[in-house]
C-alpha cells in the first residue's frame, strides 16, 4: 500500500452530503424531496458533519463552525418543493430533467456542501435509516462522483514528489559536506536517499496509474461545474441593483484573496484559466437556455 493509499483508506468510511442524498434517492427509488423531508423530520443534526481536507485529515465540525445538516437539507427542500417534488435523483444525468432554476439552486447547495461528509458507521447506527442504506451492496457514489476527487489526488501526489525531491537534494548536499571519516553518517544518508528515491518512484507510478484510468469528469459534468462557477462569479462581482455594491469589485480581487491563502493547485494562472472557461461555458449555456 502506497503512502497516499494509507491516507485515503480511513476516508472510505465517509460519504459526502451529495452522495448520501443520491444514495438514498436512487437506491430506494424515492423522490429526493421526500427523502429530504423524511431526514428533516428525524433531525440528522445529532449525527453531524465531518470535513476531509486536502491532506486527507478528518475532523468533526462543531455546530458553530459550519452550516448544519438541517440548513443544507432545507435548501435542497426549497429547491424542489414547487416543481420537482416527485423527481428521483437516479444519476448525474437526471439533473437535466430539472428546470434551470431548480437545477441551479440544487447544484449551488451541493457545491456549498462539497466538503461536508457523514460517517457511514454513524449513519448505520441511526435506527430511522434501517433498511434504507445499502453501503455493503455497492459503491456509494456514482461513477463520476468520488468522495476524494482524482484531481485532488493528483495534486497531492505531485506536491509530495516535490517535497521528496527537495529532501533528496538536501541529502545529496549533506553527503558532499561529510568527510570520509564519517562512515556511519554516510551510510545513513545513503539509506535515506534510497528510501526517498523509492517513495518518489511509488508516487510517480500511482500518478501515472491515475492518469491512465481515465477516471475524470465527463464533459457533461465538467460543463455543469463550470456553469456553476460562472454563476457564482456573476453573483460575487455584479450587483443586483446599481446602488448595492457587490461582495467583490472584480475577478482579480477574488483571485488575489484565494492566492493569499497559498492553497496548493490554486495559483493565479490556474484560477484565471478556470474562471475564463467558466464564463465561456456559462455564456454558451445561457444562449442554449434562451434560444427561441
C-alpha atoms as a PDB file:
ATOM      1  CA  UNK A   1       0.000   0.000   0.000  1.00  0.00           C
ATOM      2  CA  UNK A   2       1.460   3.375  -1.008  1.00  0.00           C
ATOM      3  CA  UNK A   3       1.704   6.379   1.320  1.00  0.00           C
ATOM      4  CA  UNK A   4      -1.260   8.092  -0.328  1.00  0.00           C
ATOM      5  CA  UNK A   5      -3.332   4.907  -0.131  1.00  0.00           C
ATOM      6  CA  UNK A   6      -2.667   4.788   3.602  1.00  0.00           C
ATOM      7  CA  UNK A   7      -4.039   8.313   3.930  1.00  0.00           C
ATOM      8  CA  UNK A   8      -7.060   7.609   1.740  1.00  0.00           C
ATOM      9  CA  UNK A   9      -8.040   4.340   3.451  1.00  0.00           C
ATOM     10  CA  UNK A  10      -9.723   5.936   6.540  1.00  0.00           C
ATOM     11  CA  UNK A  11     -11.813   8.223   4.314  1.00  0.00           C
ATOM     12  CA  UNK A  12     -13.631   5.186   2.893  1.00  0.00           C
ATOM     13  CA  UNK A  13     -15.843   5.191   5.992  1.00  0.00           C
ATOM     14  CA  UNK A  14     -17.195   8.620   4.980  1.00  0.00           C
ATOM     15  CA  UNK A  15     -19.753   9.726   2.391  1.00  0.00           C
ATOM     16  CA  UNK A  16     -20.334  13.252   1.132  1.00  0.00           C
ATOM     17  CA  UNK A  17     -23.627  15.081   1.670  1.00  0.00           C
ATOM     18  CA  UNK A  18     -24.413  14.939  -2.068  1.00  0.00           C
ATOM     19  CA  UNK A  19     -23.591  11.240  -2.410  1.00  0.00           C
ATOM     20  CA  UNK A  20     -25.619  10.406   0.698  1.00  0.00           C
ATOM     21  CA  UNK A  21     -28.755  12.017  -0.782  1.00  0.00           C
ATOM     22  CA  UNK A  22     -28.080  10.417  -4.169  1.00  0.00           C
ATOM     23  CA  UNK A  23     -27.690   7.032  -2.482  1.00  0.00           C
ATOM     24  CA  UNK A  24     -30.983   7.259  -0.569  1.00  0.00           C
ATOM     25  CA  UNK A  25     -32.973   8.556  -3.542  1.00  0.00           C
ATOM     26  CA  UNK A  26     -31.569   6.257  -6.248  1.00  0.00           C
ATOM     27  CA  UNK A  27     -31.291   3.010  -4.290  1.00  0.00           C
ATOM     28  CA  UNK A  28     -34.773   3.326  -2.778  1.00  0.00           C
ATOM     29  CA  UNK A  29     -36.381   4.899  -5.870  1.00  0.00           C
ATOM     30  CA  UNK A  30     -37.730   7.692  -3.690  1.00  0.00           C
ATOM     31  CA  UNK A  31     -38.158  11.337  -4.778  1.00  0.00           C
ATOM     32  CA  UNK A  32     -35.355  13.456  -3.347  1.00  0.00           C
ATOM     33  CA  UNK A  33     -37.895  15.916  -1.936  1.00  0.00           C
ATOM     34  CA  UNK A  34     -39.475  13.131   0.122  1.00  0.00           C
ATOM     35  CA  UNK A  35     -36.053  11.836   1.210  1.00  0.00           C
ATOM     36  CA  UNK A  36     -35.088  15.294   2.483  1.00  0.00           C
ATOM     37  CA  UNK A  37     -38.442  15.776   4.202  1.00  0.00           C
ATOM     38  CA  UNK A  38     -38.004  12.425   5.975  1.00  0.00           C
ATOM     39  CA  UNK A  39     -34.481  13.376   7.119  1.00  0.00           C
ATOM     40  CA  UNK A  40     -35.629  16.791   8.362  1.00  0.00           C
ATOM     41  CA  UNK A  41     -38.401  15.159  10.364  1.00  0.00           C
ATOM     42  CA  UNK A  42     -35.924  12.894  12.155  1.00  0.00           C
ATOM     43  CA  UNK A  43     -33.197  15.530  12.734  1.00  0.00           C
ATOM     44  CA  UNK A  44     -29.818  14.332  11.443  1.00  0.00           C
ATOM     45  CA  UNK A  45     -28.026  17.097  13.363  1.00  0.00           C
ATOM     46  CA  UNK A  46     -27.393  14.536  16.084  1.00  0.00           C
ATOM     47  CA  UNK A  47     -25.005  12.855  13.628  1.00  0.00           C
ATOM     48  CA  UNK A  48     -23.305  15.967  12.305  1.00  0.00           C
ATOM     49  CA  UNK A  49     -20.735  16.691   9.614  1.00  0.00           C
ATOM     50  CA  UNK A  50     -17.081  15.833   9.173  1.00  0.00           C
ATOM     51  CA  UNK A  51     -14.540  17.603   6.997  1.00  0.00           C
ATOM     52  CA  UNK A  52     -11.834  15.937   4.886  1.00  0.00           C
ATOM     53  CA  UNK A  53      -9.074  18.379   3.921  1.00  0.00           C
ATOM     54  CA  UNK A  54      -6.529  18.206   1.091  1.00  0.00           C
ATOM     55  CA  UNK A  55      -4.161  16.199   3.312  1.00  0.00           C
ATOM     56  CA  UNK A  56      -6.929  13.638   3.967  1.00  0.00           C
ATOM     57  CA  UNK A  57      -7.144  14.761   7.578  1.00  0.00           C
ATOM     58  CA  UNK A  58     -10.605  14.086   9.004  1.00  0.00           C
ATOM     59  CA  UNK A  59     -12.129  16.466  11.563  1.00  0.00           C
ATOM     60  CA  UNK A  60     -15.611  16.777  13.000  1.00  0.00           C
ATOM     61  CA  UNK A  61     -17.239  20.166  12.524  1.00  0.00           C
ATOM     62  CA  UNK A  62     -18.509  21.853  15.646  1.00  0.00           C
ATOM     63  CA  UNK A  63     -22.077  23.214  15.313  1.00  0.00           C
ATOM     64  CA  UNK A  64     -20.826  26.811  15.201  1.00  0.00           C
ATOM     65  CA  UNK A  65     -18.093  26.137  12.622  1.00  0.00           C
ATOM     66  CA  UNK A  66     -20.170  25.243   9.590  1.00  0.00           C
ATOM     67  CA  UNK A  67     -23.684  25.069   8.162  1.00  0.00           C
ATOM     68  CA  UNK A  68     -25.726  22.411   9.928  1.00  0.00           C
ATOM     69  CA  UNK A  69     -27.176  19.332   8.270  1.00  0.00           C
ATOM     70  CA  UNK A  70     -30.635  20.853   8.703  1.00  0.00           C
ATOM     71  CA  UNK A  71     -29.652  24.072   6.901  1.00  0.00           C
ATOM     72  CA  UNK A  72     -28.424  22.189   3.814  1.00  0.00           C
ATOM     73  CA  UNK A  73     -31.448  19.878   3.796  1.00  0.00           C
ATOM     74  CA  UNK A  74     -33.819  22.848   3.945  1.00  0.00           C
ATOM     75  CA  UNK A  75     -32.046  24.435   0.963  1.00  0.00           C
ATOM     76  CA  UNK A  76     -32.494  21.216  -1.045  1.00  0.00           C
ATOM     77  CA  UNK A  77     -36.142  21.001   0.002  1.00  0.00           C
ATOM     78  CA  UNK A  78     -36.747  24.602  -1.061  1.00  0.00           C
ATOM     79  CA  UNK A  79     -35.158  23.976  -4.463  1.00  0.00           C
ATOM     80  CA  UNK A  80     -37.507  21.072  -5.196  1.00  0.00           C
ATOM     81  CA  UNK A  81     -40.772  21.871  -3.432  1.00  0.00           C
ATOM     82  CA  UNK A  82     -42.568  23.719  -6.257  1.00  0.00           C
ATOM     83  CA  UNK A  83     -41.944  21.833  -9.499  1.00  0.00           C
ATOM     84  CA  UNK A  84     -39.755  18.817  -8.668  1.00  0.00           C
ATOM     85  CA  UNK A  85     -41.289  17.182  -5.601  1.00  0.00           C
ATOM     86  CA  UNK A  86     -41.525  13.829  -7.463  1.00  0.00           C
ATOM     87  CA  UNK A  87     -38.066  13.946  -9.023  1.00  0.00           C
ATOM     88  CA  UNK A  88     -35.811  10.946  -8.265  1.00  0.00           C
ATOM     89  CA  UNK A  89     -32.072  11.637  -8.107  1.00  0.00           C
ATOM     90  CA  UNK A  90     -31.220   8.495 -10.103  1.00  0.00           C
ATOM     91  CA  UNK A  91     -27.979   9.663 -11.760  1.00  0.00           C
ATOM     92  CA  UNK A  92     -25.966  12.784 -12.519  1.00  0.00           C
ATOM     93  CA  UNK A  93     -27.684  12.931 -15.902  1.00  0.00           C
ATOM     94  CA  UNK A  94     -31.086  13.051 -14.191  1.00  0.00           C
ATOM     95  CA  UNK A  95     -30.256  16.607 -13.109  1.00  0.00           C
ATOM     96  CA  UNK A  96     -31.061  17.599 -16.687  1.00  0.00           C
ATOM     97  CA  UNK A  97     -34.694  16.685 -16.010  1.00  0.00           C
ATOM     98  CA  UNK A  98     -34.992  19.653 -13.638  1.00  0.00           C
ATOM     99  CA  UNK A  99     -35.896  23.119 -14.838  1.00  0.00           C
ATOM    100  CA  UNK A 100     -32.972  25.508 -14.913  1.00  0.00           C
ATOM    101  CA  UNK A 101     -33.863  27.439 -11.744  1.00  0.00           C
ATOM    102  CA  UNK A 102     -34.314  24.260  -9.660  1.00  0.00           C
ATOM    103  CA  UNK A 103     -31.125  22.720 -11.029  1.00  0.00           C
ATOM    104  CA  UNK A 104     -29.193  25.898 -10.260  1.00  0.00           C
ATOM    105  CA  UNK A 105     -30.399  26.038  -6.641  1.00  0.00           C
ATOM    106  CA  UNK A 106     -29.707  22.350  -6.094  1.00  0.00           C
ATOM    107  CA  UNK A 107     -26.233  22.468  -7.657  1.00  0.00           C
ATOM    108  CA  UNK A 108     -25.328  25.565  -5.651  1.00  0.00           C
ATOM    109  CA  UNK A 109     -26.282  23.803  -2.423  1.00  0.00           C
ATOM    110  CA  UNK A 110     -24.230  20.733  -3.361  1.00  0.00           C
ATOM    111  CA  UNK A 111     -21.248  22.973  -4.117  1.00  0.00           C
ATOM    112  CA  UNK A 112     -21.569  24.699  -0.728  1.00  0.00           C
ATOM    113  CA  UNK A 113     -21.661  21.309   0.988  1.00  0.00           C
ATOM    114  CA  UNK A 114     -18.906  19.682  -1.089  1.00  0.00           C
ATOM    115  CA  UNK A 115     -16.532  19.472   1.922  1.00  0.00           C
ATOM    116  CA  UNK A 116     -19.205  18.026   4.230  1.00  0.00           C
ATOM    117  CA  UNK A 117     -19.174  14.298   4.979  1.00  0.00           C
ATOM    118  CA  UNK A 118     -21.163  11.849   7.088  1.00  0.00           C
ATOM    119  CA  UNK A 119     -19.518   8.901   8.799  1.00  0.00           C
ATOM    120  CA  UNK A 120     -21.065   5.712   7.394  1.00  0.00           C
ATOM    121  CA  UNK A 121     -20.814   3.804  10.665  1.00  0.00           C
ATOM    122  CA  UNK A 122     -22.788   6.577  12.403  1.00  0.00           C
ATOM    123  CA  UNK A 123     -25.447   6.545   9.690  1.00  0.00           C
ATOM    124  CA  UNK A 124     -25.755   2.763  10.011  1.00  0.00           C
ATOM    125  CA  UNK A 125     -26.348   3.111  13.750  1.00  0.00           C
ATOM    126  CA  UNK A 126     -29.142   5.665  13.155  1.00  0.00           C
ATOM    127  CA  UNK A 127     -32.203   3.421  13.610  1.00  0.00           C
ATOM    128  CA  UNK A 128     -34.539   5.541  11.493  1.00  0.00           C
ATOM    129  CA  UNK A 129     -32.357   4.748   8.454  1.00  0.00           C
ATOM    130  CA  UNK A 130     -32.672   0.983   8.897  1.00  0.00           C
ATOM    131  CA  UNK A 131     -33.417  -0.704   5.582  1.00  0.00           C
ATOM    132  CA  UNK A 132     -32.627   2.442   3.579  1.00  0.00           C
ATOM    133  CA  UNK A 133     -28.835   2.203   3.495  1.00  0.00           C
ATOM    134  CA  UNK A 134     -27.059  -0.304   1.271  1.00  0.00           C
ATOM    135  CA  UNK A 135     -23.416   0.507   1.900  1.00  0.00           C
ATOM    136  CA  UNK A 136     -22.246  -3.105   1.688  1.00  0.00           C
ATOM    137  CA  UNK A 137     -24.081  -3.852  -1.543  1.00  0.00           C
ATOM    138  CA  UNK A 138     -22.488  -1.405  -3.941  1.00  0.00           C
ATOM    139  CA  UNK A 139     -20.325   1.634  -4.396  1.00  0.00           C
ATOM    140  CA  UNK A 140     -21.698   4.655  -2.597  1.00  0.00           C
ATOM    141  CA  UNK A 141     -21.028   7.343  -5.183  1.00  0.00           C
ATOM    142  CA  UNK A 142     -21.931   7.224  -8.842  1.00  0.00           C
ATOM    143  CA  UNK A 143     -19.171   6.822 -11.431  1.00  0.00           C
ATOM    144  CA  UNK A 144     -18.293  10.497 -11.754  1.00  0.00           C
ATOM    145  CA  UNK A 145     -18.565  11.483  -8.098  1.00  0.00           C
ATOM    146  CA  UNK A 146     -15.733  10.142  -5.932  1.00  0.00           C
ATOM    147  CA  UNK A 147     -15.533  11.133  -2.278  1.00  0.00           C
ATOM    148  CA  UNK A 148     -11.999  12.346  -2.902  1.00  0.00           C
ATOM    149  CA  UNK A 149     -11.687  13.735  -6.416  1.00  0.00           C
ATOM    150  CA  UNK A 150      -8.995  12.436  -8.760  1.00  0.00           C
ATOM    151  CA  UNK A 151      -7.680  15.928  -9.486  1.00  0.00           C
ATOM    152  CA  UNK A 152      -7.051  16.452  -5.774  1.00  0.00           C
ATOM    153  CA  UNK A 153      -5.226  13.110  -5.534  1.00  0.00           C
ATOM    154  CA  UNK A 154      -3.006  14.014  -8.472  1.00  0.00           C
ATOM    155  CA  UNK A 155      -2.221  17.429  -6.971  1.00  0.00           C
ATOM    156  CA  UNK A 156      -1.367  15.827  -3.641  1.00  0.00           C
ATOM    157  CA  UNK A 157       0.923  13.255  -5.281  1.00  0.00           C
ATOM    158  CA  UNK A 158       2.741  15.965  -7.230  1.00  0.00           C
ATOM    159  CA  UNK A 159       3.181  18.061  -4.106  1.00  0.00           C
ATOM    160  CA  UNK A 160       4.650  15.118  -2.186  1.00  0.00           C
ATOM    161  CA  UNK A 161       7.007  14.381  -5.080  1.00  0.00           C
ATOM    162  CA  UNK A 162       8.201  17.992  -4.984  1.00  0.00           C
ATOM    163  CA  UNK A 163       8.877  17.762  -1.256  1.00  0.00           C
ATOM    164  CA  UNK A 164      10.720  14.452  -1.634  1.00  0.00           C
ATOM    165  CA  UNK A 165      12.828  15.833  -4.476  1.00  0.00           C
ATOM    166  CA  UNK A 166      13.832  18.787  -2.297  1.00  0.00           C
ATOM    167  CA  UNK A 167      14.641  16.444   0.588  1.00  0.00           C
ATOM    168  CA  UNK A 168      16.670  14.295  -1.792  1.00  0.00           C
ATOM    169  CA  UNK A 169      18.659  17.334  -2.906  1.00  0.00           C
ATOM    170  CA  UNK A 170      19.298  18.241   0.738  1.00  0.00           C
ATOM    171  CA  UNK A 171      20.542  14.713   1.421  1.00  0.00           C
ATOM    172  CA  UNK A 172      22.941  14.861  -1.532  1.00  0.00           C
ATOM    173  CA  UNK A 173      24.274  18.176  -0.237  1.00  0.00           C
ATOM    174  CA  UNK A 174      24.772  16.619   3.201  1.00  0.00           C
ATOM    175  CA  UNK A 175      26.868  13.830   1.703  1.00  0.00           C
ATOM    176  CA  UNK A 176      29.024  16.387  -0.072  1.00  0.00           C
ATOM    177  CA  UNK A 177      29.830  18.074   3.237  1.00  0.00           C
ATOM    178  CA  UNK A 178      30.742  14.900   5.116  1.00  0.00           C
ATOM    179  CA  UNK A 179      34.354  13.806   5.381  1.00  0.00           C
ATOM    180  CA  UNK A 180      35.499  10.299   4.557  1.00  0.00           C
ATOM    181  CA  UNK A 181      35.880   9.552   8.274  1.00  0.00           C
ATOM    182  CA  UNK A 182      32.146   9.729   8.931  1.00  0.00           C
ATOM    183  CA  UNK A 183      31.223   6.324   7.547  1.00  0.00           C
ATOM    184  CA  UNK A 184      28.132   5.866   9.706  1.00  0.00           C
ATOM    185  CA  UNK A 185      26.733   9.257   8.678  1.00  0.00           C
ATOM    186  CA  UNK A 186      27.431   8.488   5.028  1.00  0.00           C
ATOM    187  CA  UNK A 187      25.666   5.128   5.298  1.00  0.00           C
ATOM    188  CA  UNK A 188      22.634   6.723   6.971  1.00  0.00           C
ATOM    189  CA  UNK A 189      22.459   9.471   4.337  1.00  0.00           C
ATOM    190  CA  UNK A 190      22.691   6.941   1.512  1.00  0.00           C
ATOM    191  CA  UNK A 191      19.921   4.847   3.070  1.00  0.00           C
ATOM    192  CA  UNK A 192      17.741   7.946   3.328  1.00  0.00           C
ATOM    193  CA  UNK A 193      18.361   8.776  -0.335  1.00  0.00           C
ATOM    194  CA  UNK A 194      17.443   5.252  -1.438  1.00  0.00           C
ATOM    195  CA  UNK A 195      14.227   5.364   0.588  1.00  0.00           C
ATOM    196  CA  UNK A 196      13.310   8.759  -0.881  1.00  0.00           C
ATOM    197  CA  UNK A 197      14.005   7.508  -4.395  1.00  0.00           C
ATOM    198  CA  UNK A 198      11.689   4.541  -3.760  1.00  0.00           C
ATOM    199  CA  UNK A 199       8.978   6.864  -2.402  1.00  0.00           C
ATOM    200  CA  UNK A 200       9.271   9.090  -5.469  1.00  0.00           C
ATOM    201  CA  UNK A 201       9.062   6.051  -7.743  1.00  0.00           C
ATOM    202  CA  UNK A 202       5.921   4.778  -5.995  1.00  0.00           C
ATOM    203  CA  UNK A 203       4.249   8.180  -6.164  1.00  0.00           C
ATOM    204  CA  UNK A 204       5.110   8.520  -9.846  1.00  0.00           C
ATOM    205  CA  UNK A 205       3.686   5.063 -10.537  1.00  0.00           C
ATOM    206  CA  UNK A 206       0.494   5.953  -8.707  1.00  0.00           C
ATOM    207  CA  UNK A 207       0.278   9.257 -10.566  1.00  0.00           C
ATOM    208  CA  UNK A 208       0.665   7.512 -13.916  1.00  0.00           C
ATOM    209  CA  UNK A 209      -1.902   4.898 -12.935  1.00  0.00           C
ATOM    210  CA  UNK A 210      -4.424   7.588 -12.030  1.00  0.00           C
ATOM    211  CA  UNK A 211      -3.797   9.367 -15.305  1.00  0.00           C
ATOM    212  CA  UNK A 212      -4.210   6.148 -17.299  1.00  0.00           C
ATOM    213  CA  UNK A 213      -7.517   5.099 -15.736  1.00  0.00           C
ATOM    214  CA  UNK A 214      -9.441   7.854 -17.474  1.00  0.00           C
ATOM    215  CA  UNK A 215     -11.227   8.479 -14.177  1.00  0.00           C
ATOM    216  CA  UNK A 216     -12.053  12.104 -14.908  1.00  0.00           C
ATOM    217  CA  UNK A 217     -15.177  14.188 -15.113  1.00  0.00           C
ATOM    218  CA  UNK A 218     -17.450  13.561 -18.061  1.00  0.00           C
ATOM    219  CA  UNK A 219     -17.877  16.504 -20.463  1.00  0.00           C
ATOM    220  CA  UNK A 220     -21.449  16.952 -19.276  1.00  0.00           C
ATOM    221  CA  UNK A 221     -20.498  17.199 -15.594  1.00  0.00           C
ATOM    222  CA  UNK A 222     -17.449  19.351 -16.269  1.00  0.00           C
ATOM    223  CA  UNK A 223     -19.636  21.852 -18.108  1.00  0.00           C
ATOM    224  CA  UNK A 224     -22.165  21.734 -15.272  1.00  0.00           C
ATOM    225  CA  UNK A 225     -19.473  22.591 -12.701  1.00  0.00           C
ATOM    226  CA  UNK A 226     -18.059  25.324 -14.950  1.00  0.00           C
ATOM    227  CA  UNK A 227     -21.531  26.818 -15.321  1.00  0.00           C
ATOM    228  CA  UNK A 228     -21.917  26.857 -11.528  1.00  0.00           C
ATOM    229  CA  UNK A 229     -18.548  28.603 -11.121  1.00  0.00           C
ATOM    230  CA  UNK A 230     -19.570  31.154 -13.753  1.00  0.00           C
ATOM    231  CA  UNK A 231     -22.836  31.865 -11.930  1.00  0.00           C
ATOM    232  CA  UNK A 232     -21.038  32.280  -8.621  1.00  0.00           C
ATOM    233  CA  UNK A 233     -18.615  34.729 -10.244  1.00  0.00           C
ATOM    234  CA  UNK A 234     -21.545  36.790 -11.508  1.00  0.00           C
ATOM    235  CA  UNK A 235     -23.180  36.807  -8.083  1.00  0.00           C
ATOM    236  CA  UNK A 236     -19.945  37.942  -6.413  1.00  0.00           C
ATOM    237  CA  UNK A 237     -18.925  40.637  -8.910  1.00  0.00           C
ATOM    238  CA  UNK A 238     -22.141  42.026 -10.442  1.00  0.00           C
ATOM    239  CA  UNK A 239     -24.539  43.994  -8.190  1.00  0.00           C
ATOM    240  CA  UNK A 240     -28.224  43.060  -8.178  1.00  0.00           C
ATOM    241  CA  UNK A 241     -29.061  46.768  -8.273  1.00  0.00           C
ATOM    242  CA  UNK A 242     -26.796  49.689  -9.116  1.00  0.00           C
ATOM    243  CA  UNK A 243     -26.963  51.160  -5.610  1.00  0.00           C
ATOM    244  CA  UNK A 244     -25.708  47.953  -3.939  1.00  0.00           C
ATOM    245  CA  UNK A 245     -22.021  47.148  -4.044  1.00  0.00           C
ATOM    246  CA  UNK A 246     -21.158  43.521  -4.904  1.00  0.00           C
ATOM    247  CA  UNK A 247     -19.034  41.424  -2.482  1.00  0.00           C
ATOM    248  CA  UNK A 248     -16.003  41.777  -4.815  1.00  0.00           C
ATOM    249  CA  UNK A 249     -15.219  44.544  -7.282  1.00  0.00           C
ATOM    250  CA  UNK A 250     -13.561  42.236  -9.822  1.00  0.00           C
ATOM    251  CA  UNK A 251     -12.341  38.730 -10.528  1.00  0.00           C
ATOM    252  CA  UNK A 252      -8.791  39.910  -9.899  1.00  0.00           C
ATOM    253  CA  UNK A 253      -9.720  40.699  -6.298  1.00  0.00           C
ATOM    254  CA  UNK A 254     -11.215  37.205  -5.856  1.00  0.00           C
ATOM    255  CA  UNK A 255      -8.089  35.601  -7.340  1.00  0.00           C
ATOM    256  CA  UNK A 256      -5.910  37.726  -5.069  1.00  0.00           C
ATOM    257  CA  UNK A 257      -7.836  36.619  -1.981  1.00  0.00           C
ATOM    258  CA  UNK A 258      -7.545  32.948  -2.972  1.00  0.00           C
ATOM    259  CA  UNK A 259      -3.827  33.079  -3.811  1.00  0.00           C
ATOM    260  CA  UNK A 260      -3.171  34.820  -0.486  1.00  0.00           C
ATOM    261  CA  UNK A 261      -4.277  31.595   1.215  1.00  0.00           C
ATOM    262  CA  UNK A 262      -1.415  29.727  -0.528  1.00  0.00           C
ATOM    263  CA  UNK A 263      -3.502  26.618  -1.268  1.00  0.00           C
ATOM    264  CA  UNK A 264      -1.619  24.147  -3.465  1.00  0.00           C
ATOM    265  CA  UNK A 265      -3.017  23.938  -7.012  1.00  0.00           C
ATOM    266  CA  UNK A 266      -4.857  27.291  -6.755  1.00  0.00           C
ATOM    267  CA  UNK A 267      -2.319  29.599  -8.379  1.00  0.00           C
ATOM    268  CA  UNK A 268      -3.076  32.824 -10.233  1.00  0.00           C
ATOM    269  CA  UNK A 269      -2.688  31.396 -13.751  1.00  0.00           C
ATOM    270  CA  UNK A 270      -4.751  28.293 -12.936  1.00  0.00           C
ATOM    271  CA  UNK A 271      -7.576  30.362 -11.459  1.00  0.00           C
ATOM    272  CA  UNK A 272      -7.567  32.808 -14.380  1.00  0.00           C
ATOM    273  CA  UNK A 273      -7.899  29.892 -16.812  1.00  0.00           C
ATOM    274  CA  UNK A 274     -10.681  28.221 -14.800  1.00  0.00           C
ATOM    275  CA  UNK A 275     -12.623  31.458 -14.450  1.00  0.00           C
ATOM    276  CA  UNK A 276     -12.270  32.194 -18.166  1.00  0.00           C
ATOM    277  CA  UNK A 277     -13.503  28.720 -19.094  1.00  0.00           C
ATOM    278  CA  UNK A 278     -16.364  29.025 -16.615  1.00  0.00           C
ATOM    279  CA  UNK A 279     -17.529  32.328 -18.140  1.00  0.00           C
ATOM    280  CA  UNK A 280     -17.397  30.910 -21.667  1.00  0.00           C
ATOM    281  CA  UNK A 281     -19.400  27.833 -20.624  1.00  0.00           C
ATOM    282  CA  UNK A 282     -21.943  29.996 -18.784  1.00  0.00           C
ATOM    283  CA  UNK A 283     -22.498  32.192 -21.854  1.00  0.00           C
ATOM    284  CA  UNK A 284     -22.961  29.108 -24.037  1.00  0.00           C
ATOM    285  CA  UNK A 285     -25.437  27.663 -21.515  1.00  0.00           C
ATOM    286  CA  UNK A 286     -27.403  30.924 -21.418  1.00  0.00           C
ATOM    287  CA  UNK A 287     -27.644  31.010 -25.194  1.00  0.00           C
ATOM    288  CA  UNK A 288     -28.985  27.457 -25.272  1.00  0.00           C
ATOM    289  CA  UNK A 289     -31.420  28.132 -22.439  1.00  0.00           C
ATOM    290  CA  UNK A 290     -32.930  31.227 -24.060  1.00  0.00           C
ATOM    291  CA  UNK A 291     -32.717  30.063 -27.652  1.00  0.00           C
ATOM    292  CA  UNK A 292     -36.151  30.547 -29.290  1.00  0.00           C
END
